[in-house]
Amino acid sequence: MNTTNYKLHKNKDLETEQDKLEEERLKMQVLVSNFSEDQLNRYEMYRRATFPKASIRRLMQTVSGTSVSQNVVIAMSGIAKVFAGEIVETALDIQEQWQGSGPIQPKHIREAFRRVKSRSFFPNTRQRKRLF
């Protein structure tokens, strides 16, 4: 493939990627515009929720023994948020299965963690005192 063909191919890929991003943005806009007030409030809280970057940095530096770049801290913060969301979603499913009502309880979170851990790869961890 010569340079001109490569550039054309690369530009087409870029346009396709931009089209996909624009399409996703429009879908999200339609979805959010149809939220109820309660759903919109929950979505806004989800968007604003973050783990403190200083705490993430300190934890990562303690575990790894090296300094950690800002990009790595941001990525790990996002991963932690997704993990927490997965645990909460699973806990809500468990609460529904157990015919519970009201807020999720520690027993739901423990069972959710157990289920997520059983279907995902987790490194070996020492047995620690349970928090809940």
Protein backbone atom coordinates (compact mmCIF):
# COMPACT_ATOMS: atom_id res chain seq x y z
CA MET A 1 0.00 0.00 0.00
CA ASN A 2 1.51 3.32 -1.00
CA THR A 3 1.47 6.43 1.17
CA THR A 4 -1.51 8.05 -0.57
CA ASN A 5 -3.68 4.94 -0.24
CA TYR A 6 -2.64 4.56 3.39
CA LYS A 7 -3.63 8.16 4.15
CA LEU A 8 -7.00 7.74 2.40
CA HIS A 9 -7.65 4.49 4.25
CA LYS A 10 -6.65 6.07 7.55
CA ASN A 11 -8.90 9.10 6.92
CA LYS A 12 -11.86 6.81 6.11
CA ASP A 13 -11.27 4.89 9.35
CA LEU A 14 -11.11 8.17 11.26
CA GLU A 15 -14.35 9.39 9.67
CA THR A 16 -16.04 6.09 10.46
CA GLU A 17 -14.87 6.30 14.08
CA GLN A 18 -16.09 9.90 14.35
CA ASP A 19 -19.45 8.88 12.86
CA LYS A 20 -19.78 6.10 15.43
CA LEU A 21 -18.95 8.49 18.28
CA GLU A 22 -21.48 11.03 17.00
CA GLU A 23 -24.14 8.32 16.69
CA GLU A 24 -23.46 7.15 20.27
CA ARG A 25 -23.64 10.74 21.52
CA LEU A 26 -27.02 11.24 19.81
CA LYS A 27 -28.38 7.97 21.23
CA MET A 28 -27.29 9.01 24.71
CA GLN A 29 -28.87 12.43 24.25
CA VAL A 30 -32.21 10.84 23.28
CA LEU A 31 -32.00 8.44 26.21
CA VAL A 32 -31.25 11.17 28.76
CA SER A 33 -33.99 13.42 27.37
CA ASN A 34 -36.52 10.64 28.10
CA PHE A 35 -35.42 10.09 31.72
CA SER A 36 -37.88 10.73 34.50
CA GLU A 37 -36.82 13.30 37.08
CA ASP A 38 -35.77 10.55 39.49
CA GLN A 39 -33.74 8.77 36.79
CA LEU A 40 -32.10 12.05 35.79
CA ASN A 41 -31.12 12.77 39.40
CA ARG A 42 -29.58 9.30 39.75
CA TYR A 43 -27.74 9.68 36.44
CA GLU A 44 -26.35 13.07 37.49
CA MET A 45 -25.16 11.60 40.80
CA TYR A 46 -23.49 8.75 38.91
CA ARG A 47 -21.74 11.19 36.58
CA ARG A 48 -20.49 13.33 39.46
CA ALA A 49 -19.39 10.46 41.69
CA THR A 50 -15.63 9.85 41.82
CA PHE A 51 -13.07 8.21 44.03
CA PRO A 52 -10.60 10.72 45.51
CA LYS A 53 -7.59 10.73 43.22
CA ALA A 54 -5.19 11.38 46.10
CA SER A 55 -6.39 8.24 47.87
CA ILE A 56 -6.14 6.18 44.68
CA ARG A 57 -2.61 7.49 44.07
CA ARG A 58 -1.52 6.74 47.65
CA LEU A 59 -2.96 3.22 47.53
CA MET A 60 -1.35 2.45 44.17
CA GLN A 61 2.02 3.81 45.28
CA THR A 62 1.85 1.76 48.47
CA VAL A 63 1.00 -1.44 46.59
CA SER A 64 3.43 -0.96 43.70
CA GLY A 65 6.25 0.77 45.58
CA THR A 66 6.73 3.23 42.71
CA SER A 67 5.36 6.60 41.73
CA VAL A 68 2.23 6.55 39.60
CA SER A 69 1.42 8.94 36.75
CA GLN A 70 -1.73 11.05 36.68
CA ASN A 71 -3.08 9.09 33.68
CA VAL A 72 -2.76 5.81 35.55
CA VAL A 73 -4.54 7.29 38.58
CA ILE A 74 -7.38 8.52 36.36
CA ALA A 75 -7.67 5.10 34.69
CA MET A 76 -7.69 3.26 38.01
CA SER A 77 -10.28 5.66 39.39
CA GLY A 78 -12.52 4.83 36.43
CA ILE A 79 -11.95 1.11 36.87
CA ALA A 80 -12.84 1.40 40.56
CA LYS A 81 -16.04 3.25 39.69
CA VAL A 82 -17.06 0.56 37.20
CA PHE A 83 -16.27 -2.16 39.75
CA ALA A 84 -18.32 -0.42 42.45
CA GLY A 85 -21.20 -0.05 39.98
CA GLU A 86 -21.02 -3.75 39.13
CA ILE A 87 -21.16 -4.67 42.81
CA VAL A 88 -24.13 -2.36 43.44
CA GLU A 89 -26.05 -3.66 40.39
CA THR A 90 -25.45 -7.25 41.43
CA ALA A 91 -26.46 -6.44 45.02
CA LEU A 92 -29.72 -4.94 43.76
CA ASP A 93 -30.39 -8.08 41.70
CA ILE A 94 -29.72 -10.22 44.77
CA GLN A 95 -32.02 -8.09 46.90
CA GLU A 96 -34.76 -8.58 44.29
CA GLN A 97 -34.14 -12.36 44.18
CA TRP A 98 -34.40 -12.52 47.96
CA GLN A 99 -37.61 -10.43 47.89
CA GLY A 100 -36.01 -7.64 49.88
CA SER A 101 -37.08 -4.02 49.86
CA GLY A 102 -35.57 -0.71 50.84
CA PRO A 103 -31.87 0.05 50.57
CA ILE A 104 -29.38 -2.72 49.87
CA GLN A 105 -27.89 -4.23 53.00
CA PRO A 106 -24.41 -5.53 53.79
CA LYS A 107 -25.57 -9.12 53.20
CA HIS A 108 -26.52 -8.15 49.63
CA ILE A 109 -23.14 -6.52 49.05
CA ARG A 110 -21.24 -9.51 50.46
CA GLU A 111 -23.16 -11.91 48.23
CA ALA A 112 -22.68 -9.60 45.23
CA PHE A 113 -18.94 -9.50 45.82
CA ARG A 114 -18.85 -13.29 46.16
CA ARG A 115 -20.71 -13.71 42.84
CA VAL A 116 -18.62 -11.14 40.96
CA LYS A 117 -15.46 -12.72 42.34
CA SER A 118 -16.57 -16.21 41.29
CA ARG A 119 -17.22 -15.19 37.67
CA SER A 120 -14.20 -12.89 37.28
CA PHE A 121 -10.47 -13.17 37.69
CA PHE A 122 -9.29 -11.97 41.08
CA PRO A 123 -5.75 -12.41 42.31
CA ASN A 124 -5.32 -14.54 45.40
CA THR A 125 -6.10 -12.46 48.44
CA ARG A 126 -5.50 -13.21 52.07
CA GLN A 127 -8.48 -13.78 54.26
CA ARG A 128 -9.20 -10.53 56.09
CA LYS A 129 -11.69 -9.47 58.66
CA ARG A 130 -15.01 -8.74 56.97
CA LEU A 131 -16.06 -5.11 56.90
CA PHE A 132 -19.78 -5.89 56.89
